[in-house]
């Protein structure tokens, strides 16, 4: 990593490394996973379940989570990668929840800004 990289660039690179590692391990278990960039520029992993439905897996660095929705059972810690891969593989094999993918939107920067102002 170059010293001139901003914190956001470092976070993005780390997020991409986490998602790449997750994708490689899911692919080794015959789960289709492709690293993409969303319209808003966030890295994500498109993961296909056994019913051929796609969900995007994101990284929440502040809470050390992989997440693919806003429900309690749609997030797992990335600190134990093997367990995270097991959990996401099982969710994909069981099939993603019906309906739209919920968004987990906790922006700690906005919370900090509110307390500063």
C-alpha atoms as a PDB file:
ATOM      1  CA  UNK A   1       0.000   0.000   0.000  1.00  0.00           C
ATOM      2  CA  UNK A   2       1.277   3.424  -0.899  1.00  0.00           C
ATOM      3  CA  UNK A   3       1.479   6.059   1.813  1.00  0.00           C
ATOM      4  CA  UNK A   4      -0.299   8.520  -0.483  1.00  0.00           C
ATOM      5  CA  UNK A   5      -3.517   6.490  -0.530  1.00  0.00           C
ATOM      6  CA  UNK A   6      -6.424   8.046   1.301  1.00  0.00           C
ATOM      7  CA  UNK A   7      -8.200   6.179   4.060  1.00  0.00           C
ATOM      8  CA  UNK A   8     -11.204   5.636   1.752  1.00  0.00           C
ATOM      9  CA  UNK A   9      -8.923   4.148  -0.933  1.00  0.00           C
ATOM     10  CA  UNK A  10      -7.350   1.838   1.653  1.00  0.00           C
ATOM     11  CA  UNK A  11     -10.791   0.784   2.901  1.00  0.00           C
ATOM     12  CA  UNK A  12     -11.971   0.089  -0.642  1.00  0.00           C
ATOM     13  CA  UNK A  13      -8.866  -2.007  -1.370  1.00  0.00           C
ATOM     14  CA  UNK A  14      -9.357  -3.984   1.856  1.00  0.00           C
ATOM     15  CA  UNK A  15     -13.050  -4.500   1.039  1.00  0.00           C
ATOM     16  CA  UNK A  16     -12.137  -5.797  -2.420  1.00  0.00           C
ATOM     17  CA  UNK A  17      -9.548  -8.195  -0.936  1.00  0.00           C
ATOM     18  CA  UNK A  18     -12.136  -9.558   1.515  1.00  0.00           C
ATOM     19  CA  UNK A  19     -14.738 -10.032  -1.215  1.00  0.00           C
ATOM     20  CA  UNK A  20     -12.199 -11.615  -3.565  1.00  0.00           C
ATOM     21  CA  UNK A  21     -11.165 -14.124  -0.882  1.00  0.00           C
ATOM     22  CA  UNK A  22     -14.823 -14.880  -0.122  1.00  0.00           C
ATOM     23  CA  UNK A  23     -15.612 -15.304  -3.816  1.00  0.00           C
ATOM     24  CA  UNK A  24     -12.695 -17.689  -4.342  1.00  0.00           C
ATOM     25  CA  UNK A  25     -13.762 -19.864  -1.420  1.00  0.00           C
ATOM     26  CA  UNK A  26     -17.403 -19.888  -2.521  1.00  0.00           C
ATOM     27  CA  UNK A  27     -16.362 -20.796  -6.076  1.00  0.00           C
ATOM     28  CA  UNK A  28     -14.356 -23.718  -4.661  1.00  0.00           C
ATOM     29  CA  UNK A  29     -17.670 -24.930  -3.203  1.00  0.00           C
ATOM     30  CA  UNK A  30     -19.496 -24.542  -6.546  1.00  0.00           C
ATOM     31  CA  UNK A  31     -21.295 -21.331  -5.561  1.00  0.00           C
ATOM     32  CA  UNK A  32     -21.262 -18.739  -8.350  1.00  0.00           C
ATOM     33  CA  UNK A  33     -19.763 -15.461  -7.116  1.00  0.00           C
ATOM     34  CA  UNK A  34     -18.544 -12.479  -9.160  1.00  0.00           C
ATOM     35  CA  UNK A  35     -16.838  -9.342  -7.837  1.00  0.00           C
ATOM     36  CA  UNK A  36     -18.578  -6.209  -9.143  1.00  0.00           C
ATOM     37  CA  UNK A  37     -18.819  -2.499  -8.496  1.00  0.00           C
ATOM     38  CA  UNK A  38     -22.291  -1.109  -7.837  1.00  0.00           C
ATOM     39  CA  UNK A  39     -23.683   2.045  -9.450  1.00  0.00           C
ATOM     40  CA  UNK A  40     -22.703   4.012  -6.364  1.00  0.00           C
ATOM     41  CA  UNK A  41     -19.150   2.633  -6.542  1.00  0.00           C
ATOM     42  CA  UNK A  42     -19.265   0.094  -3.714  1.00  0.00           C
ATOM     43  CA  UNK A  43     -17.537  -3.239  -4.235  1.00  0.00           C
ATOM     44  CA  UNK A  44     -19.875  -6.215  -3.905  1.00  0.00           C
ATOM     45  CA  UNK A  45     -20.031  -9.893  -4.687  1.00  0.00           C
ATOM     46  CA  UNK A  46     -22.917 -11.135  -6.846  1.00  0.00           C
ATOM     47  CA  UNK A  47     -23.764 -14.576  -5.443  1.00  0.00           C
ATOM     48  CA  UNK A  48     -26.250 -16.936  -7.105  1.00  0.00           C
ATOM     49  CA  UNK A  49     -28.340 -19.254  -4.920  1.00  0.00           C
ATOM     50  CA  UNK A  50     -29.549 -22.763  -5.809  1.00  0.00           C
ATOM     51  CA  UNK A  51     -32.748 -21.258  -7.275  1.00  0.00           C
ATOM     52  CA  UNK A  52     -30.701 -19.069  -9.651  1.00  0.00           C
ATOM     53  CA  UNK A  53     -31.497 -15.870  -7.748  1.00  0.00           C
ATOM     54  CA  UNK A  54     -28.801 -13.297  -7.155  1.00  0.00           C
ATOM     55  CA  UNK A  55     -27.969 -11.377  -3.995  1.00  0.00           C
ATOM     56  CA  UNK A  56     -25.193  -8.886  -3.499  1.00  0.00           C
ATOM     57  CA  UNK A  57     -22.857  -9.510  -0.606  1.00  0.00           C
ATOM     58  CA  UNK A  58     -21.308  -6.342   0.803  1.00  0.00           C
ATOM     59  CA  UNK A  59     -18.718  -5.597   3.467  1.00  0.00           C
ATOM     60  CA  UNK A  60     -19.412  -3.391   6.465  1.00  0.00           C
ATOM     61  CA  UNK A  61     -15.938  -2.568   7.748  1.00  0.00           C
ATOM     62  CA  UNK A  62     -17.039  -0.812  10.941  1.00  0.00           C
ATOM     63  CA  UNK A  63     -18.863  -3.909  12.200  1.00  0.00           C
ATOM     64  CA  UNK A  64     -16.604  -6.490  10.473  1.00  0.00           C
ATOM     65  CA  UNK A  65     -19.541  -8.010   8.589  1.00  0.00           C
ATOM     66  CA  UNK A  66     -20.312  -9.575   5.283  1.00  0.00           C
ATOM     67  CA  UNK A  67     -23.999  -8.855   4.697  1.00  0.00           C
ATOM     68  CA  UNK A  68     -26.557  -9.612   1.998  1.00  0.00           C
ATOM     69  CA  UNK A  69     -29.659  -7.980   3.460  1.00  0.00           C
ATOM     70  CA  UNK A  70     -31.015  -6.140   6.467  1.00  0.00           C
ATOM     71  CA  UNK A  71     -32.247  -9.113   8.522  1.00  0.00           C
ATOM     72  CA  UNK A  72     -30.345 -10.512  11.505  1.00  0.00           C
ATOM     73  CA  UNK A  73     -29.668 -13.779   9.678  1.00  0.00           C
ATOM     74  CA  UNK A  74     -28.255 -11.946   6.643  1.00  0.00           C
ATOM     75  CA  UNK A  75     -24.934 -10.934   8.118  1.00  0.00           C
ATOM     76  CA  UNK A  76     -21.875 -12.731   9.395  1.00  0.00           C
ATOM     77  CA  UNK A  77     -18.508 -11.661  10.781  1.00  0.00           C
ATOM     78  CA  UNK A  78     -15.644 -11.706   8.307  1.00  0.00           C
ATOM     79  CA  UNK A  79     -13.141 -12.072  11.152  1.00  0.00           C
ATOM     80  CA  UNK A  80     -13.555 -15.839  10.933  1.00  0.00           C
ATOM     81  CA  UNK A  81     -13.496 -16.339   7.183  1.00  0.00           C
ATOM     82  CA  UNK A  82     -14.123 -20.100   7.258  1.00  0.00           C
ATOM     83  CA  UNK A  83     -17.282 -19.634   9.310  1.00  0.00           C
ATOM     84  CA  UNK A  84     -18.418 -16.784   7.064  1.00  0.00           C
ATOM     85  CA  UNK A  85     -17.963 -18.924   3.960  1.00  0.00           C
ATOM     86  CA  UNK A  86     -19.925 -21.760   5.593  1.00  0.00           C
ATOM     87  CA  UNK A  87     -22.781 -19.407   6.523  1.00  0.00           C
ATOM     88  CA  UNK A  88     -23.013 -17.741   3.107  1.00  0.00           C
ATOM     89  CA  UNK A  89     -22.768 -21.084   1.330  1.00  0.00           C
ATOM     90  CA  UNK A  90     -25.622 -22.429   3.460  1.00  0.00           C
ATOM     91  CA  UNK A  91     -27.747 -19.330   2.803  1.00  0.00           C
ATOM     92  CA  UNK A  92     -27.155 -19.697  -0.947  1.00  0.00           C
ATOM     93  CA  UNK A  93     -27.950 -23.417  -0.881  1.00  0.00           C
ATOM     94  CA  UNK A  94     -31.153 -22.779   1.128  1.00  0.00           C
ATOM     95  CA  UNK A  95     -32.074 -19.935  -1.216  1.00  0.00           C
ATOM     96  CA  UNK A  96     -32.136 -16.219  -0.563  1.00  0.00           C
ATOM     97  CA  UNK A  97     -35.161 -14.727   1.210  1.00  0.00           C
ATOM     98  CA  UNK A  98     -38.046 -13.887  -1.117  1.00  0.00           C
ATOM     99  CA  UNK A  99     -38.522 -10.280  -2.101  1.00  0.00           C
ATOM    100  CA  UNK A 100     -36.191  -7.368  -2.599  1.00  0.00           C
ATOM    101  CA  UNK A 101     -32.784  -7.376  -0.987  1.00  0.00           C
ATOM    102  CA  UNK A 102     -32.834  -5.154   2.082  1.00  0.00           C
ATOM    103  CA  UNK A 103     -30.100  -2.578   2.534  1.00  0.00           C
ATOM    104  CA  UNK A 104     -28.148  -2.337   5.739  1.00  0.00           C
ATOM    105  CA  UNK A 105     -27.356   1.336   5.874  1.00  0.00           C
ATOM    106  CA  UNK A 106     -25.482   2.313   8.971  1.00  0.00           C
ATOM    107  CA  UNK A 107     -23.286   5.283   8.161  1.00  0.00           C
ATOM    108  CA  UNK A 108     -21.023   5.962  11.114  1.00  0.00           C
ATOM    109  CA  UNK A 109     -19.671   9.121   9.447  1.00  0.00           C
ATOM    110  CA  UNK A 110     -23.137  10.686   9.619  1.00  0.00           C
ATOM    111  CA  UNK A 111     -23.482   9.718  13.284  1.00  0.00           C
ATOM    112  CA  UNK A 112     -20.089  11.249  14.097  1.00  0.00           C
ATOM    113  CA  UNK A 113     -20.900  14.413  12.139  1.00  0.00           C
ATOM    114  CA  UNK A 114     -24.160  14.818  14.083  1.00  0.00           C
ATOM    115  CA  UNK A 115     -22.262  14.760  17.380  1.00  0.00           C
ATOM    116  CA  UNK A 116     -19.580  17.171  16.164  1.00  0.00           C
ATOM    117  CA  UNK A 117     -22.018  19.838  14.942  1.00  0.00           C
END
